[in-house]
Amino acid sequence: MRRRADEGHREEYASLKRALAARTDHDVDDYGRDKMPWIGRALKRAEGWARR
């Protein structure tokens, strides 16, 4: 099993996914759309890491 480097970000994402999955008023498209802001921030962090 591969471990991710940042436990805080890992837990933040898992928590977001659990909260979104628990919403009964949303469908799979809403789930994907609603997690995109977090994904966008993660990609910016990854780009910064890659530059370093």
Protein backbone atom coordinates (compact mmCIF):
# COMPACT_ATOMS: atom_id res chain seq x y z
CA MET A 1 0.00 0.00 0.00
CA ARG A 2 1.32 3.41 -0.94
CA ARG A 3 1.04 6.11 1.72
CA ARG A 4 0.30 9.71 0.91
CA ALA A 5 2.70 12.34 2.18
CA ASP A 6 0.30 14.74 3.87
CA GLU A 7 -1.95 13.13 6.44
CA GLY A 8 -3.89 16.36 7.01
CA HIS A 9 -4.82 16.74 3.35
CA ARG A 10 -5.62 13.05 3.12
CA GLU A 11 -8.05 13.25 6.03
CA GLU A 12 -9.55 16.52 4.76
CA TYR A 13 -10.32 14.88 1.39
CA ALA A 14 -11.71 11.73 3.00
CA SER A 15 -13.94 13.83 5.25
CA LEU A 16 -15.20 15.85 2.30
CA LYS A 17 -15.97 12.68 0.33
CA ARG A 18 -17.86 11.15 3.28
CA ALA A 19 -19.91 14.34 3.74
CA LEU A 20 -20.75 14.54 0.05
CA ALA A 21 -21.64 10.85 -0.16
CA ALA A 22 -24.01 11.23 2.81
CA ARG A 23 -26.08 13.90 1.04
CA THR A 24 -29.27 12.26 -0.13
CA ASP A 25 -30.30 15.31 -2.16
CA HIS A 26 -27.33 14.94 -4.54
CA ASP A 27 -26.51 12.55 -7.35
CA VAL A 28 -23.17 11.33 -8.70
CA ASP A 29 -22.79 14.39 -10.93
CA ASP A 30 -23.29 16.71 -7.94
CA TYR A 31 -20.77 14.66 -5.96
CA GLY A 32 -18.12 15.07 -8.65
CA ARG A 33 -18.81 18.77 -9.14
CA ASP A 34 -18.88 19.53 -5.42
CA LYS A 35 -15.46 18.02 -4.77
CA MET A 36 -13.79 19.87 -7.68
CA PRO A 37 -12.80 22.95 -5.61
CA TRP A 38 -10.78 20.68 -3.31
CA ILE A 39 -9.27 18.87 -6.30
CA GLY A 40 -8.30 22.22 -7.85
CA ARG A 41 -6.47 23.26 -4.68
CA ALA A 42 -4.73 19.86 -4.52
CA LEU A 43 -3.53 20.24 -8.11
CA LYS A 44 -2.07 23.66 -7.30
CA ARG A 45 -0.22 22.13 -4.32
CA ALA A 46 1.05 19.32 -6.54
CA GLU A 47 2.27 21.77 -9.19
CA GLY A 48 4.17 23.69 -6.52
CA TRP A 49 5.68 20.47 -5.21
CA ALA A 50 6.74 19.45 -8.74
CA ARG A 51 8.44 22.82 -9.31
CA ARG A 52 10.43 22.46 -6.08
